[in-house]
Amino acid sequence: MDKTFSCRDLGVDCDYTVCARTEEEVLKQVADHAQSVHEMKGFSDELYEKMKSAIQDGDCESEACFESCCC
């Protein structure tokens, strides 16, 4: 099953949503997004665990599950 993540799920005022085939792919795309858009250079262990727990099962070919950012 595909995996999805949204910045809003962590309480961040950002419309970024990503969908990928694996949790690892999601985390890489989230890290790239966080660095380029939110100017984050790394993650604490606590934030990393929060990000992992916010990843949900999804279907990349349904609904509005796509990579976007309107920050």
C-alpha atoms as a PDB file:
ATOM      1  CA  MET A   1       0.000   0.000   0.000  1.00  0.00           C
ATOM      2  CA  ASP A   2       1.201   3.524  -0.774  1.00  0.00           C
ATOM      3  CA  LYS A   3       2.139   5.989   1.963  1.00  0.00           C
ATOM      4  CA  THR A   4       1.066   9.624   2.377  1.00  0.00           C
ATOM      5  CA  PHE A   5       2.240  12.567   4.471  1.00  0.00           C
ATOM      6  CA  SER A   6       1.016  16.118   4.948  1.00  0.00           C
ATOM      7  CA  CYS A   7       2.740  18.977   6.778  1.00  0.00           C
ATOM      8  CA  ARG A   8      -0.650  19.899   8.227  1.00  0.00           C
ATOM      9  CA  ASP A   9      -0.738  16.547  10.046  1.00  0.00           C
ATOM     10  CA  LEU A  10       2.113  17.903  12.173  1.00  0.00           C
ATOM     11  CA  GLY A  11       0.356  21.219  12.764  1.00  0.00           C
ATOM     12  CA  VAL A  12       2.456  23.126  10.219  1.00  0.00           C
ATOM     13  CA  ASP A  13       0.672  25.832   8.197  1.00  0.00           C
ATOM     14  CA  CYS A  14       1.705  24.351   4.845  1.00  0.00           C
ATOM     15  CA  ASP A  15      -0.313  22.582   2.157  1.00  0.00           C
ATOM     16  CA  TYR A  16       2.485  20.176   1.205  1.00  0.00           C
ATOM     17  CA  THR A  17       1.251  16.634   0.667  1.00  0.00           C
ATOM     18  CA  VAL A  18       3.254  13.760  -0.701  1.00  0.00           C
ATOM     19  CA  CYS A  19       2.421  10.215  -1.703  1.00  0.00           C
ATOM     20  CA  ALA A  20       4.984   7.528  -2.426  1.00  0.00           C
ATOM     21  CA  ARG A  21       5.267   3.763  -2.627  1.00  0.00           C
ATOM     22  CA  THR A  22       7.274   3.350   0.594  1.00  0.00           C
ATOM     23  CA  GLU A  23       7.768   5.074   3.936  1.00  0.00           C
ATOM     24  CA  GLU A  24      11.425   5.637   3.053  1.00  0.00           C
ATOM     25  CA  GLU A  25      10.492   7.464  -0.168  1.00  0.00           C
ATOM     26  CA  VAL A  26       8.028   9.645   1.738  1.00  0.00           C
ATOM     27  CA  LEU A  27      10.631  10.534   4.362  1.00  0.00           C
ATOM     28  CA  LYS A  28      13.187  11.466   1.693  1.00  0.00           C
ATOM     29  CA  GLN A  29      10.709  13.729  -0.088  1.00  0.00           C
ATOM     30  CA  VAL A  30       9.626  15.284   3.215  1.00  0.00           C
ATOM     31  CA  ALA A  31      13.275  15.930   4.124  1.00  0.00           C
ATOM     32  CA  ASP A  32      13.901  17.577   0.735  1.00  0.00           C
ATOM     33  CA  HIS A  33      10.771  19.700   1.166  1.00  0.00           C
ATOM     34  CA  ALA A  34      11.664  20.688   4.745  1.00  0.00           C
ATOM     35  CA  GLN A  35      15.136  21.753   3.674  1.00  0.00           C
ATOM     36  CA  SER A  36      14.109  23.721   0.589  1.00  0.00           C
ATOM     37  CA  VAL A  37      10.860  25.299   1.801  1.00  0.00           C
ATOM     38  CA  HIS A  38      11.099  25.426   5.581  1.00  0.00           C
ATOM     39  CA  GLU A  39      14.908  25.924   5.618  1.00  0.00           C
ATOM     40  CA  MET A  40      15.399  23.040   8.054  1.00  0.00           C
ATOM     41  CA  LYS A  41      18.877  21.517   8.003  1.00  0.00           C
ATOM     42  CA  GLY A  42      18.065  18.372   9.952  1.00  0.00           C
ATOM     43  CA  PHE A  43      15.620  16.700  12.274  1.00  0.00           C
ATOM     44  CA  SER A  44      15.773  15.869  15.937  1.00  0.00           C
ATOM     45  CA  ASP A  45      14.997  12.275  16.848  1.00  0.00           C
ATOM     46  CA  GLU A  46      11.705  13.502  18.320  1.00  0.00           C
ATOM     47  CA  LEU A  47      10.654  15.283  15.112  1.00  0.00           C
ATOM     48  CA  TYR A  48      11.738  12.325  12.995  1.00  0.00           C
ATOM     49  CA  GLU A  49       9.523  10.015  15.068  1.00  0.00           C
ATOM     50  CA  LYS A  50       6.598  12.473  14.793  1.00  0.00           C
ATOM     51  CA  MET A  51       7.046  12.559  11.019  1.00  0.00           C
ATOM     52  CA  LYS A  52       7.135   8.760  10.831  1.00  0.00           C
ATOM     53  CA  SER A  53       3.998   8.469  12.948  1.00  0.00           C
ATOM     54  CA  ALA A  54       2.191  10.993  10.714  1.00  0.00           C
ATOM     55  CA  ILE A  55       2.719   8.821   7.622  1.00  0.00           C
ATOM     56  CA  GLN A  56      -0.527   7.139   6.669  1.00  0.00           C
ATOM     57  CA  ASP A  57      -1.567   4.415   4.282  1.00  0.00           C
ATOM     58  CA  GLY A  58      -3.014   5.833   1.093  1.00  0.00           C
ATOM     59  CA  ASP A  59      -3.478   5.343  -2.591  1.00  0.00           C
ATOM     60  CA  CYS A  60      -1.393   7.586  -4.833  1.00  0.00           C
ATOM     61  CA  GLU A  61      -3.840   7.198  -7.671  1.00  0.00           C
ATOM     62  CA  SER A  62      -6.919   8.386  -5.797  1.00  0.00           C
ATOM     63  CA  GLU A  63      -8.328  11.598  -4.372  1.00  0.00           C
ATOM     64  CA  ALA A  64      -6.000  14.556  -4.023  1.00  0.00           C
ATOM     65  CA  CYS A  65      -2.997  12.478  -3.078  1.00  0.00           C
ATOM     66  CA  PHE A  66      -0.183  14.235  -4.873  1.00  0.00           C
ATOM     67  CA  GLU A  67       2.950  16.189  -4.171  1.00  0.00           C
ATOM     68  CA  SER A  68       2.220  19.857  -3.822  1.00  0.00           C
ATOM     69  CA  CYS A  69       3.187  22.872  -1.808  1.00  0.00           C
ATOM     70  CA  CYS A  70       1.464  26.161  -1.457  1.00  0.00           C
ATOM     71  CA  CYS A  71       3.415  27.586   1.473  1.00  0.00           C
END
